[in-house]
């Protein structure tokens, strides 16, 4: 889930600001179009120059909330923690620019469809920052952390049940995972995953069936699972096999990284990397004053920074989107699955009308300098033919929204509509702070509430204001009462399978929607038949149309990701082949001579 960089700013919103959006005023559309064209032409990499040894690289992490500081991928569900961990946190696999797993990373992957096995072989010399070789047990232990209920990991999904013995271990019926074989012993470098079947996307990173990280068993083994997340080994002194190791943590504020002398690709060129939390409100000034060497541009502030000297802008369109989700059920921890209400308050007509009342395109043009854009489906266009171009999404149409509500029996009684049974209807909307939008998130939120009021829906903001990031996700993940809908975002895996987010057996299905048809389509898009590419594309198209009609989740928008990088830095790249685990390969980054 995309949980990074959110800003809490709830200043007074003027009626004028709201009216501009409500009336569809897009600001200077020519400037907005020009900004989008400019961003599309930015390179994905900084210029290649001769690198020098040494120097301290300062990286801004824009968030209004102190970072949680969970330095373990199996336990992380926070993008900010993933960002600040990235100098050390390296995945087992590298990929090409199409996200296909290659043999160039710390480990290799071999799939055998006849034997239904996935064999992971760690390269000799891939060592933790204490000098210990990464082993087969470290691979197996990562699965244990995810699957053992005592860790409270949010990472476990029913997809992992593909590995024999995972379900039994997760349910506490077995002490080990029978389907993970270590043919050369725990200290060997080979782990074989015995599966009930292999899936079409397994050769791609982010497939959701193969966990792509390892955990240092020798370092963590004596910590009870229930205490792992709060342990010093996870919070203060983590081990990684990436290019850098932690030197110092200022809780919630900064992390200083120094070279891992055992790094398998060779000694990194920088002396230090310092990740520092900075308020999104200060981001533009930080760029103009060159306070940091790498800073993510807050898109609404683009016009303030676009002419900054001694900066290289690199950009890409990330695999991500923001969405509006509707709570229609609960997570049943005992059964390990989502359970949908038989008659949810947020009915299909209500969800559809709310979608048509949102003036997303006008908001993006007005508030993000044209650098955000509406997305019509839950499969981004970057996924090529998996994207269903015939699904046009919920475009702004108040007339249609009203017609849907009228037909469904949501009649007006005074200012507000009532439920079909005549009872009052109040919709509780949980909206979070957002660093990628900065202080305008409050204006955008109030705009949408005003739009819903126009069609007679009494929508109220939970708590009367935007909710701070950590509190927001605690409420969403634990199905806090009094929430009918919420806005959030996904940073997507690089394999288009949707099971990790929207299946019956994943905790990350925060809407808790479960239908026989959704289950069927989920199974079909990852079935053995789906090794036929045309068949799989067809199922993805059917699923997108189904999700559009059901409107459990309404996709909203995506944005250009623009990084402002010191022009004396080389080796910085947003290309998938130059990244690892969705993050910069910091071992390649250096200052120029």
Protein backbone atom coordinates (compact mmCIF):
# COMPACT_ATOMS: atom_id res chain seq x y z
CA UNK A 1 0.00 0.00 0.00
CA UNK A 2 1.17 3.44 -0.80
CA UNK A 3 1.60 5.07 2.58
CA UNK A 4 4.32 7.58 2.03
CA UNK A 5 4.72 11.30 2.41
CA UNK A 6 1.55 12.68 3.86
CA UNK A 7 1.01 16.16 5.18
CA UNK A 8 -1.30 17.35 7.94
CA UNK A 9 -2.41 20.85 7.20
CA UNK A 10 -5.96 21.85 8.01
CA UNK A 11 -5.96 25.57 7.58
CA UNK A 12 -9.03 27.57 6.72
CA UNK A 13 -10.36 26.78 3.27
CA UNK A 14 -11.93 29.73 1.53
CA UNK A 15 -15.15 29.47 -0.41
CA UNK A 16 -13.30 30.96 -3.36
CA UNK A 17 -10.85 28.09 -3.43
CA UNK A 18 -13.67 25.59 -3.40
CA UNK A 19 -15.63 27.40 -6.07
CA UNK A 20 -12.69 27.38 -8.46
CA UNK A 21 -12.68 23.61 -8.51
CA UNK A 22 -16.40 23.13 -8.27
CA UNK A 23 -16.89 25.24 -11.36
CA UNK A 24 -14.16 23.39 -13.21
CA UNK A 25 -11.69 26.30 -13.33
CA UNK A 26 -8.41 24.67 -14.27
CA UNK A 27 -6.12 27.61 -13.66
CA UNK A 28 -3.85 28.27 -16.62
CA UNK A 29 -4.48 25.21 -18.77
CA UNK A 30 -1.68 26.12 -21.16
CA UNK A 31 0.82 26.16 -18.30
CA UNK A 32 -0.57 22.87 -16.98
CA UNK A 33 -0.24 21.20 -20.37
CA UNK A 34 3.28 22.55 -20.72
CA UNK A 35 4.25 21.22 -17.28
CA UNK A 36 3.06 17.72 -18.19
CA UNK A 37 4.96 17.86 -21.48
CA UNK A 38 8.09 19.01 -19.66
CA UNK A 39 7.86 16.21 -17.09
CA UNK A 40 7.35 13.61 -19.82
CA UNK A 41 10.63 14.70 -21.43
CA UNK A 42 12.75 14.51 -18.29
CA UNK A 43 15.25 11.62 -18.31
CA UNK A 44 14.95 8.71 -15.89
CA UNK A 45 18.64 8.91 -15.02
CA UNK A 46 21.14 11.58 -14.08
CA UNK A 47 23.95 12.29 -16.59
CA UNK A 48 26.72 9.68 -16.54
CA UNK A 49 29.93 11.29 -15.31
CA UNK A 50 33.19 10.18 -13.72
CA UNK A 51 32.51 9.32 -10.09
CA UNK A 52 34.70 10.16 -7.14
CA UNK A 53 35.11 8.31 -3.85
CA UNK A 54 33.66 9.89 -0.71
CA UNK A 55 31.14 12.50 0.27
CA UNK A 56 27.91 12.59 2.28
CA UNK A 57 24.67 12.38 0.31
CA UNK A 58 21.67 14.01 1.97
CA UNK A 59 18.22 12.70 1.01
CA UNK A 60 14.94 14.38 1.98
CA UNK A 61 12.05 12.20 3.16
CA UNK A 62 8.96 14.37 2.95
CA UNK A 63 6.43 13.52 5.63
CA UNK A 64 4.54 15.39 8.32
CA UNK A 65 4.75 12.34 10.58
CA UNK A 66 7.83 10.93 12.35
CA UNK A 67 8.77 7.63 10.74
CA UNK A 68 7.81 4.46 12.60
CA UNK A 69 11.24 2.89 12.23
CA UNK A 70 10.52 -0.77 11.47
CA UNK A 71 13.68 -1.93 9.73
CA UNK A 72 12.42 -5.29 8.52
CA UNK A 73 10.64 -5.84 5.22
CA UNK A 74 8.49 -8.69 6.52
CA UNK A 75 6.98 -6.39 9.15
CA UNK A 76 6.89 -3.11 7.22
CA UNK A 77 3.68 -1.75 5.73
CA UNK A 78 4.79 1.88 5.61
CA UNK A 79 6.37 3.40 2.50
CA UNK A 80 8.29 5.94 4.58
CA UNK A 81 9.98 3.13 6.52
CA UNK A 82 10.75 1.40 3.22
CA UNK A 83 12.29 4.61 1.85
CA UNK A 84 14.56 5.28 4.81
CA UNK A 85 15.60 1.59 4.84
CA UNK A 86 16.50 1.53 1.15
CA UNK A 87 20.29 2.15 1.43
CA UNK A 88 20.58 -1.23 3.16
CA UNK A 89 17.43 -3.12 2.28
CA UNK A 90 18.16 -5.08 -0.88
CA UNK A 91 15.95 -7.69 -2.51
CA UNK A 92 17.18 -11.14 -3.53
CA UNK A 93 16.48 -10.41 -7.20
CA UNK A 94 17.34 -7.79 -9.82
CA UNK A 95 15.09 -7.23 -12.83
CA UNK A 96 15.21 -5.90 -16.38
CA UNK A 97 13.23 -2.80 -17.40
CA UNK A 98 10.13 -4.98 -17.87
CA UNK A 99 10.39 -6.24 -14.26
CA UNK A 100 11.41 -9.75 -15.32
CA UNK A 101 13.72 -11.36 -12.75
CA UNK A 102 17.30 -11.69 -14.00
CA UNK A 103 20.38 -13.55 -12.77
CA UNK A 104 22.21 -10.31 -11.93
CA UNK A 105 20.97 -9.91 -8.36
CA UNK A 106 22.04 -11.39 -5.01
CA UNK A 107 20.21 -14.62 -5.87
CA UNK A 108 18.89 -16.49 -8.89
CA UNK A 109 15.46 -18.03 -9.44
CA UNK A 110 14.75 -21.23 -11.36
CA UNK A 111 11.15 -22.30 -12.03
CA UNK A 112 10.26 -25.91 -12.88
CA UNK A 113 6.64 -26.31 -14.01
CA UNK A 114 6.87 -30.10 -14.18
CA UNK A 115 8.10 -30.42 -10.61
CA UNK A 116 6.14 -27.36 -9.38
CA UNK A 117 9.23 -25.95 -7.70
CA UNK A 118 10.89 -22.57 -7.42
CA UNK A 119 14.57 -22.81 -6.56
CA UNK A 120 16.32 -19.80 -5.03
CA UNK A 121 20.12 -19.87 -5.00
CA UNK A 122 21.97 -17.16 -3.10
CA UNK A 123 25.29 -16.18 -4.62
CA UNK A 124 28.44 -16.92 -2.66
CA UNK A 125 29.74 -13.78 -0.99
CA UNK A 126 26.34 -12.16 -0.45
CA UNK A 127 26.81 -11.31 3.21
CA UNK A 128 24.97 -9.57 5.99
CA UNK A 129 26.62 -6.42 7.32
CA UNK A 130 28.12 -8.48 10.16
CA UNK A 131 30.00 -10.63 7.64
CA UNK A 132 27.76 -13.73 7.76
CA UNK A 133 26.79 -15.36 4.44
CA UNK A 134 23.09 -15.11 3.53
CA UNK A 135 21.77 -18.66 3.78
CA UNK A 136 18.84 -20.86 2.85
CA UNK A 137 17.59 -20.57 6.42
CA UNK A 138 17.46 -16.79 6.05
CA UNK A 139 15.11 -17.28 3.09
CA UNK A 140 12.94 -19.74 4.99
CA UNK A 141 12.92 -17.58 8.14
CA UNK A 142 11.47 -14.62 6.23
CA UNK A 143 8.46 -16.79 5.38
CA UNK A 144 8.14 -17.77 9.04
CA UNK A 145 8.05 -14.11 10.11
CA UNK A 146 5.31 -13.37 7.61
CA UNK A 147 3.23 -16.47 8.36
CA UNK A 148 3.51 -16.70 12.14
CA UNK A 149 0.51 -14.90 13.62
CA UNK A 150 2.51 -13.83 16.68
CA UNK A 151 4.49 -11.29 14.62
CA UNK A 152 1.30 -9.47 13.54
CA UNK A 153 2.77 -9.15 10.06
CA UNK A 154 0.39 -7.58 7.53
CA UNK A 155 2.23 -9.29 4.68
CA UNK A 156 0.55 -12.69 4.80
CA UNK A 157 -1.97 -13.38 2.04
CA UNK A 158 -3.67 -16.52 0.79
CA UNK A 159 -1.27 -16.45 -2.18
CA UNK A 160 1.42 -17.92 0.06
CA UNK A 161 -0.73 -21.02 0.56
CA UNK A 162 0.58 -22.07 -2.84
CA UNK A 163 3.71 -23.22 -0.97
CA UNK A 164 3.08 -26.57 0.62
CA UNK A 165 2.79 -26.37 4.39
CA UNK A 166 2.41 -22.58 4.57
CA UNK A 167 -1.26 -22.69 5.49
CA UNK A 168 -0.66 -25.29 8.20
CA UNK A 169 2.18 -23.24 9.66
CA UNK A 170 0.11 -20.04 9.53
CA UNK A 171 -2.76 -21.75 11.36
CA UNK A 172 -0.43 -23.09 14.04
CA UNK A 173 -0.94 -26.72 12.99
CA UNK A 174 2.74 -27.23 12.10
CA UNK A 175 6.01 -26.01 13.63
CA UNK A 176 7.81 -25.77 10.29
CA UNK A 177 6.92 -25.02 6.69
CA UNK A 178 7.08 -28.43 5.05
CA UNK A 179 7.26 -27.10 1.50
CA UNK A 180 10.51 -25.20 1.93
CA UNK A 181 13.45 -27.54 1.37
CA UNK A 182 17.08 -26.70 2.11
CA UNK A 183 18.96 -29.44 0.20
CA UNK A 184 22.39 -28.35 1.46
CA UNK A 185 21.21 -27.67 4.99
CA UNK A 186 20.27 -24.46 6.77
CA UNK A 187 23.71 -22.98 6.15
CA UNK A 188 23.60 -23.82 2.46
CA UNK A 189 22.69 -21.28 -0.17
CA UNK A 190 19.80 -23.11 -1.88
CA UNK A 191 16.13 -23.05 -0.89
CA UNK A 192 13.55 -24.98 -2.89
CA UNK A 193 9.91 -23.95 -2.67
CA UNK A 194 7.59 -26.90 -3.32
CA UNK A 195 4.31 -25.53 -4.67
CA UNK A 196 0.93 -27.00 -5.48
CA UNK A 197 1.32 -25.33 -8.89
CA UNK A 198 3.27 -22.52 -10.50
CA UNK A 199 1.63 -19.29 -11.61
CA UNK A 200 2.01 -17.22 -14.81
CA UNK A 201 3.60 -14.19 -13.20
CA UNK A 202 6.22 -15.97 -11.12
CA UNK A 203 9.09 -14.98 -13.42
CA UNK A 204 8.37 -11.33 -12.67
CA UNK A 205 9.27 -9.40 -9.55
CA UNK A 206 6.32 -8.52 -7.35
CA UNK A 207 4.30 -11.61 -8.24
CA UNK A 208 3.08 -12.06 -4.66
CA UNK A 209 3.72 -15.81 -4.53
CA UNK A 210 7.48 -15.72 -3.99
CA UNK A 211 8.80 -13.54 -1.17
CA UNK A 212 11.81 -11.67 -2.48
CA UNK A 213 13.60 -10.83 0.77
CA UNK A 214 15.66 -12.70 3.35
CA UNK A 215 15.86 -12.17 7.12
CA UNK A 216 19.00 -12.73 9.26
CA UNK A 217 18.05 -15.85 11.21
CA UNK A 218 21.32 -16.00 13.16
CA UNK A 219 20.68 -12.46 14.41
CA UNK A 220 16.96 -12.69 15.19
CA UNK A 221 16.39 -16.34 16.12
CA UNK A 222 16.44 -15.84 19.91
CA UNK A 223 13.75 -13.15 19.85
CA UNK A 224 10.20 -14.44 20.40
CA UNK A 225 8.03 -13.68 17.38
CA UNK A 226 5.63 -11.57 19.43
CA UNK A 227 8.52 -9.30 20.48
CA UNK A 228 10.26 -9.14 17.12
CA UNK A 229 8.68 -5.91 15.86
CA UNK A 230 9.64 -3.98 19.01
CA UNK A 231 13.13 -5.48 19.38
CA UNK A 232 16.34 -3.44 19.17
CA UNK A 233 17.48 -5.71 16.34
CA UNK A 234 14.57 -4.46 14.24
CA UNK A 235 14.22 -0.90 15.58
CA UNK A 236 17.76 0.22 16.38
CA UNK A 237 20.44 -2.13 15.05
CA UNK A 238 19.17 -3.88 11.91
CA UNK A 239 21.28 -6.10 9.67
CA UNK A 240 21.13 -5.84 5.87
CA UNK A 241 23.05 -7.27 2.93
CA UNK A 242 22.66 -4.13 0.83
CA UNK A 243 25.36 -1.51 0.12
CA UNK A 244 25.05 0.40 3.38
CA UNK A 245 24.55 -0.37 7.06
CA UNK A 246 22.95 1.73 9.79
CA UNK A 247 25.33 3.92 11.76
CA UNK A 248 22.89 6.12 13.65
CA UNK A 249 19.13 6.51 14.04
CA UNK A 250 17.52 9.64 15.43
CA UNK A 251 14.13 8.22 16.25
CA UNK A 252 11.47 9.33 13.83
CA UNK A 253 13.71 11.95 12.23
CA UNK A 254 16.84 10.67 10.48
CA UNK A 255 18.96 7.63 9.62
CA UNK A 256 22.68 7.77 8.85
CA UNK A 257 24.08 5.01 6.67
CA UNK A 258 27.73 4.05 6.12
CA UNK A 259 29.21 1.51 3.67
CA UNK A 260 28.67 -2.19 4.32
CA UNK A 261 32.25 -3.43 3.99
CA UNK A 262 30.96 -6.88 3.10
CA UNK A 263 28.71 -5.69 0.25
CA UNK A 264 28.81 -8.29 -2.49
CA UNK A 265 28.81 -5.86 -5.44
CA UNK A 266 31.86 -4.00 -4.11
CA UNK A 267 32.45 -1.10 -1.76
CA UNK A 268 30.00 1.79 -2.28
CA UNK A 269 31.50 5.12 -3.30
CA UNK A 270 29.82 7.40 -0.76
CA UNK A 271 31.08 7.85 2.81
CA UNK A 272 27.56 8.38 4.14
CA UNK A 273 23.90 8.65 3.18
CA UNK A 274 21.67 10.62 5.53
CA UNK A 275 17.91 10.26 5.19
CA UNK A 276 16.26 13.23 6.90
CA UNK A 277 12.57 13.89 7.51
CA UNK A 278 11.42 17.25 6.13
CA UNK A 279 8.00 18.87 6.15
CA UNK A 280 6.36 18.88 2.71
CA UNK A 281 5.66 22.57 3.25
CA UNK A 282 9.43 23.12 3.27
CA UNK A 283 10.19 20.95 0.24
CA UNK A 284 10.31 23.70 -2.38
CA UNK A 285 12.52 25.90 -0.21
CA UNK A 286 14.81 22.90 0.44
CA UNK A 287 15.23 22.42 -3.30
CA UNK A 288 15.89 26.09 -4.00
CA UNK A 289 18.40 26.34 -1.14
CA UNK A 290 20.12 23.05 -2.11
CA UNK A 291 19.71 21.74 1.43
CA UNK A 292 19.54 18.17 0.16
CA UNK A 293 21.14 16.30 -2.71
CA UNK A 294 17.96 14.37 -3.53
CA UNK A 295 14.44 15.72 -2.94
CA UNK A 296 11.09 14.54 -4.28
CA UNK A 297 9.23 17.45 -5.89
CA UNK A 298 5.83 18.20 -4.36
CA UNK A 299 3.89 18.57 -7.62
CA UNK A 300 1.69 21.50 -6.53
CA UNK A 301 4.97 23.35 -5.81
CA UNK A 302 6.44 22.64 -9.26
CA UNK A 303 6.24 26.20 -10.54
CA UNK A 304 8.22 27.35 -7.51
CA UNK A 305 11.17 25.04 -8.20
CA UNK A 306 11.23 24.36 -11.94
CA UNK A 307 13.82 27.07 -12.68
CA UNK A 308 16.22 26.08 -9.88
CA UNK A 309 19.86 26.04 -11.01
CA UNK A 310 22.44 23.32 -10.36
CA UNK A 311 19.71 20.68 -10.31
CA UNK A 312 18.98 17.73 -12.60
CA UNK A 313 15.33 16.72 -12.69
CA UNK A 314 14.65 13.03 -13.28
CA UNK A 315 11.12 11.76 -13.69
CA UNK A 316 8.90 8.76 -14.28
CA UNK A 317 5.28 7.71 -13.96
CA UNK A 318 5.27 5.25 -11.08
CA UNK A 319 3.21 2.09 -10.86
CA UNK A 320 0.74 3.57 -8.41
CA UNK A 321 -2.63 5.23 -7.99
CA UNK A 322 -4.84 6.89 -5.42
CA UNK A 323 -8.34 5.61 -4.83
CA UNK A 324 -11.55 5.96 -2.83
CA UNK A 325 -12.47 2.78 -0.94
CA UNK A 326 -15.75 1.77 0.70
CA UNK A 327 -15.94 -0.26 3.90
CA UNK A 328 -18.36 -3.14 3.31
CA UNK A 329 -17.16 -5.79 5.75
CA UNK A 330 -14.63 -6.91 8.37
CA UNK A 331 -11.46 -8.95 8.57
CA UNK A 332 -12.04 -12.23 10.42
CA UNK A 333 -8.72 -13.03 12.07
CA UNK A 334 -9.84 -16.46 13.22
CA UNK A 335 -10.81 -17.54 9.70
CA UNK A 336 -7.98 -15.57 8.11
CA UNK A 337 -10.20 -13.94 5.51
CA UNK A 338 -12.40 -10.96 4.72
CA UNK A 339 -16.11 -11.27 5.45
CA UNK A 340 -18.46 -8.95 3.60
CA UNK A 341 -21.69 -7.72 5.15
CA UNK A 342 -24.83 -9.19 3.60
CA UNK A 343 -26.45 -5.77 3.30
CA UNK A 344 -23.69 -3.13 3.48
CA UNK A 345 -24.62 0.47 4.19
CA UNK A 346 -22.56 1.60 1.21
CA UNK A 347 -24.61 0.00 -1.55
CA UNK A 348 -23.62 -0.29 -5.20
CA UNK A 349 -25.81 2.66 -6.37
CA UNK A 350 -24.47 4.81 -3.54
CA UNK A 351 -20.88 3.95 -4.45
CA UNK A 352 -21.45 4.64 -8.14
CA UNK A 353 -23.13 7.99 -7.50
CA UNK A 354 -20.29 9.07 -5.24
CA UNK A 355 -17.86 8.22 -8.04
CA UNK A 356 -19.72 10.23 -10.69
CA UNK A 357 -19.91 13.25 -8.36
CA UNK A 358 -16.12 13.55 -8.09
CA UNK A 359 -14.57 16.20 -10.35
CA UNK A 360 -11.17 14.48 -10.34
CA UNK A 361 -9.88 15.87 -13.64
CA UNK A 362 -10.65 19.47 -12.62
CA UNK A 363 -8.97 18.95 -9.25
CA UNK A 364 -5.81 17.54 -10.83
CA UNK A 365 -5.52 20.42 -13.29
CA UNK A 366 -6.27 23.07 -10.69
CA UNK A 367 -4.09 21.86 -7.86
CA UNK A 368 -1.17 19.82 -9.21
CA UNK A 369 0.13 22.03 -12.03
CA UNK A 370 -1.13 19.44 -14.50
CA UNK A 371 1.28 16.82 -13.13
CA UNK A 372 -1.48 14.49 -11.90
CA UNK A 373 -4.03 12.82 -14.13
CA UNK A 374 -7.17 10.74 -13.66
CA UNK A 375 -6.87 6.97 -14.05
CA UNK A 376 -9.94 5.05 -15.24
CA UNK A 377 -9.25 1.53 -13.97
CA UNK A 378 -7.34 -0.34 -11.26
CA UNK A 379 -4.82 -1.61 -13.83
CA UNK A 380 -2.49 1.24 -14.92
CA UNK A 381 -1.74 1.77 -18.59
CA UNK A 382 1.93 0.84 -17.93
CA UNK A 383 0.78 -2.79 -17.83
CA UNK A 384 0.24 -2.67 -21.59
CA UNK A 385 -2.46 -4.92 -23.01
CA UNK A 386 -3.63 -5.89 -19.50
CA UNK A 387 -5.07 -2.35 -19.30
CA UNK A 388 -8.69 -2.24 -20.50
CA UNK A 389 -8.94 0.96 -22.54
CA UNK A 390 -12.69 0.46 -22.96
CA UNK A 391 -13.32 1.20 -19.28
CA UNK A 392 -13.60 4.99 -19.11
CA UNK A 393 -13.84 5.34 -15.33
CA UNK A 394 -15.99 7.61 -13.21
CA UNK A 395 -15.92 10.89 -15.08
CA UNK A 396 -17.64 13.91 -13.55
CA UNK A 397 -21.40 13.71 -14.15
CA UNK A 398 -23.71 15.13 -11.48
CA UNK A 399 -26.82 14.44 -13.55
CA UNK A 400 -25.97 10.75 -13.78
CA UNK A 401 -25.14 10.62 -10.06
CA UNK A 402 -28.54 12.07 -9.17
CA UNK A 403 -30.34 9.71 -11.55
CA UNK A 404 -28.64 6.67 -9.98
CA UNK A 405 -29.67 7.76 -6.48
CA UNK A 406 -33.22 8.57 -7.52
CA UNK A 407 -33.66 5.20 -9.21
CA UNK A 408 -32.26 3.36 -6.16
CA UNK A 409 -34.73 5.07 -3.82
CA UNK A 410 -32.42 7.51 -2.07
CA UNK A 411 -35.04 10.28 -1.94
CA UNK A 412 -34.42 13.82 -0.78
CA UNK A 413 -35.98 14.82 2.52
CA UNK A 414 -35.11 18.46 2.93
CA UNK A 415 -31.44 19.14 2.18
CA UNK A 416 -30.25 15.54 2.40
CA UNK A 417 -31.19 12.23 0.87
CA UNK A 418 -32.42 9.42 3.09
CA UNK A 419 -31.96 5.67 2.80
CA UNK A 420 -34.52 3.68 0.75
CA UNK A 421 -36.11 2.63 4.06
CA UNK A 422 -36.62 6.30 4.97
CA UNK A 423 -33.98 6.43 7.69
CA UNK A 424 -31.43 9.30 7.74
CA UNK A 425 -28.18 8.77 5.84
CA UNK A 426 -24.85 10.13 7.07
CA UNK A 427 -21.67 9.01 5.31
CA UNK A 428 -18.47 9.10 7.37
CA UNK A 429 -15.40 9.88 5.26
CA UNK A 430 -11.88 9.18 6.59
CA UNK A 431 -9.34 11.30 4.71
CA UNK A 432 -5.63 11.31 5.39
CA UNK A 433 -2.92 13.89 5.21
CA UNK A 434 -0.75 13.62 2.10
CA UNK A 435 2.79 14.90 1.63
CA UNK A 436 2.64 14.48 -2.14
CA UNK A 437 -0.06 17.15 -2.24
CA UNK A 438 1.08 19.29 0.67
CA UNK A 439 -1.28 21.74 2.32
CA UNK A 440 -3.76 21.65 -0.58
CA UNK A 441 -5.00 18.18 0.48
CA UNK A 442 -7.46 19.88 2.82
CA UNK A 443 -8.81 22.00 -0.03
CA UNK A 444 -9.17 18.96 -2.27
CA UNK A 445 -10.95 17.00 0.47
CA UNK A 446 -13.41 19.82 1.14
CA UNK A 447 -14.02 20.11 -2.59
CA UNK A 448 -15.13 16.48 -2.86
CA UNK A 449 -17.34 16.81 0.20
CA UNK A 450 -18.97 19.83 -1.44
CA UNK A 451 -19.53 17.81 -4.63
CA UNK A 452 -21.26 15.04 -2.66
CA UNK A 453 -23.37 17.63 -0.88
CA UNK A 454 -24.53 18.82 -4.31
CA UNK A 455 -26.20 15.45 -4.94
CA UNK A 456 -27.81 15.49 -1.49
CA UNK A 457 -25.41 13.18 0.34
CA UNK A 458 -24.60 14.17 3.91
CA UNK A 459 -20.90 13.32 3.90
CA UNK A 460 -18.95 14.24 7.03
CA UNK A 461 -15.20 14.15 7.62
CA UNK A 462 -14.26 11.73 10.41
CA UNK A 463 -12.90 13.80 13.28
CA UNK A 464 -13.75 17.00 11.42
CA UNK A 465 -10.28 17.16 9.89
CA UNK A 466 -7.66 15.19 7.97
CA UNK A 467 -6.31 12.22 9.88
CA UNK A 468 -2.59 11.86 10.57
CA UNK A 469 -0.93 9.06 8.59
CA UNK A 470 -0.19 6.50 11.33
CA UNK A 471 -3.62 6.94 12.92
CA UNK A 472 -5.30 6.69 9.51
CA UNK A 473 -3.80 3.32 8.65
CA UNK A 474 -4.38 1.98 12.14
CA UNK A 475 -8.09 2.75 11.71
CA UNK A 476 -8.31 1.37 8.16
CA UNK A 477 -6.35 -1.81 8.83
CA UNK A 478 -8.25 -2.65 12.01
CA UNK A 479 -11.73 -1.80 10.68
CA UNK A 480 -12.37 0.97 13.17
CA UNK A 481 -16.11 1.67 13.59
CA UNK A 482 -17.68 4.78 12.13
CA UNK A 483 -15.88 4.70 8.76
CA UNK A 484 -17.89 4.31 5.56
CA UNK A 485 -15.30 5.36 2.99
CA UNK A 486 -11.67 6.43 2.89
CA UNK A 487 -9.02 7.65 0.46
CA UNK A 488 -5.70 5.86 0.14
CA UNK A 489 -3.20 4.74 -2.45
CA UNK A 490 -1.31 1.75 -3.73
CA UNK A 491 2.28 1.49 -4.84
CA UNK A 492 1.89 -1.55 -7.05
CA UNK A 493 3.90 -4.67 -7.56
CA UNK A 494 5.50 -4.93 -10.97
CA UNK A 495 3.41 -8.02 -11.83
CA UNK A 496 -0.24 -7.14 -12.50
CA UNK A 497 -1.87 -9.89 -10.40
CA UNK A 498 -4.41 -8.29 -8.05
CA UNK A 499 -4.59 -11.03 -5.44
CA UNK A 500 -2.33 -9.23 -2.97
CA UNK A 501 -4.76 -6.31 -2.73
CA UNK A 502 -8.27 -7.44 -3.55
CA UNK A 503 -8.66 -11.13 -2.78
CA UNK A 504 -10.74 -12.73 -0.04
CA UNK A 505 -7.65 -13.94 1.79
CA UNK A 506 -5.53 -10.80 1.97
CA UNK A 507 -5.59 -8.38 4.90
CA UNK A 508 -4.75 -5.63 2.43
CA UNK A 509 -8.27 -5.80 1.00
CA UNK A 510 -9.16 -2.91 3.28
CA UNK A 511 -12.63 -2.52 1.80
CA UNK A 512 -13.35 -6.14 2.87
CA UNK A 513 -15.38 -6.80 -0.25
CA UNK A 514 -15.85 -10.45 -1.16
CA UNK A 515 -18.04 -11.80 -3.96
CA UNK A 516 -18.12 -15.14 -5.77
CA UNK A 517 -17.50 -13.34 -9.07
CA UNK A 518 -14.43 -11.51 -7.75
CA UNK A 519 -13.06 -14.76 -6.32
CA UNK A 520 -13.65 -16.47 -9.66
CA UNK A 521 -11.90 -13.76 -11.71
CA UNK A 522 -8.99 -13.66 -9.25
CA UNK A 523 -8.49 -17.39 -9.63
CA UNK A 524 -8.81 -17.31 -13.41
CA UNK A 525 -6.27 -14.51 -13.97
CA UNK A 526 -3.63 -16.55 -12.12
CA UNK A 527 -4.74 -20.03 -13.24
CA UNK A 528 -2.90 -22.55 -15.35
CA UNK A 529 -4.95 -21.41 -18.33
CA UNK A 530 -3.51 -17.94 -17.75
CA UNK A 531 -0.13 -19.13 -19.03
CA UNK A 532 -1.88 -18.37 -22.32
CA UNK A 533 -1.31 -14.63 -22.53
CA UNK A 534 -4.50 -13.89 -24.50
CA UNK A 535 -6.62 -15.72 -21.94
CA UNK A 536 -4.98 -13.83 -19.07
CA UNK A 537 -5.48 -10.47 -20.80
CA UNK A 538 -9.15 -11.32 -21.31
CA UNK A 539 -9.60 -12.08 -17.59
CA UNK A 540 -7.89 -8.84 -16.58
CA UNK A 541 -10.23 -6.94 -18.89
CA UNK A 542 -13.27 -8.70 -17.42
CA UNK A 543 -12.09 -7.94 -13.88
CA UNK A 544 -11.59 -4.23 -14.60
CA UNK A 545 -15.10 -3.98 -16.05
CA UNK A 546 -16.50 -5.88 -13.07
CA UNK A 547 -14.72 -3.61 -10.57
CA UNK A 548 -15.93 -0.52 -12.43
CA UNK A 549 -19.53 -1.74 -12.23
CA UNK A 550 -19.31 -2.78 -8.58
CA UNK A 551 -17.40 0.36 -7.50
CA UNK A 552 -16.04 -1.11 -4.28
CA UNK A 553 -12.91 0.89 -5.13
CA UNK A 554 -12.94 4.00 -7.30
CA UNK A 555 -9.56 4.74 -8.92
CA UNK A 556 -8.77 8.43 -8.78
CA UNK A 557 -5.41 9.58 -10.10
CA UNK A 558 -1.68 9.08 -10.53
CA UNK A 559 1.11 11.63 -10.84
CA UNK A 560 4.47 12.23 -12.41
CA UNK A 561 7.22 11.47 -9.92
CA UNK A 562 9.91 14.12 -10.22
CA UNK A 563 13.13 14.06 -8.21
CA UNK A 564 15.39 17.08 -7.88
CA UNK A 565 18.98 15.80 -7.81
CA UNK A 566 22.17 17.77 -7.19
CA UNK A 567 23.89 18.16 -10.58
CA UNK A 568 27.12 16.89 -8.98
CA UNK A 569 25.52 13.48 -8.41
CA UNK A 570 25.83 10.61 -10.90
CA UNK A 571 24.41 7.08 -10.97
CA UNK A 572 20.91 8.06 -9.80
CA UNK A 573 18.23 6.28 -11.85
CA UNK A 574 14.50 5.55 -11.82
CA UNK A 575 14.78 2.75 -14.41
CA UNK A 576 13.54 -0.62 -13.07
CA UNK A 577 16.78 -2.33 -14.13
CA UNK A 578 18.78 0.17 -12.06
CA UNK A 579 16.62 -0.27 -8.98
CA UNK A 580 16.11 -3.05 -6.46
CA UNK A 581 12.93 -3.72 -4.50
CA UNK A 582 11.44 -0.58 -6.05
CA UNK A 583 14.18 1.64 -4.67
CA UNK A 584 17.38 3.24 -5.84
CA UNK A 585 20.44 0.98 -5.95
CA UNK A 586 22.38 3.32 -3.71
CA UNK A 587 25.63 1.48 -4.36
CA UNK A 588 25.63 3.02 -7.87
CA UNK A 589 25.20 6.61 -6.67
CA UNK A 590 28.21 8.89 -6.24
CA UNK A 591 29.39 12.47 -6.47
CA UNK A 592 31.22 13.51 -9.62
CA UNK A 593 34.85 14.55 -9.77
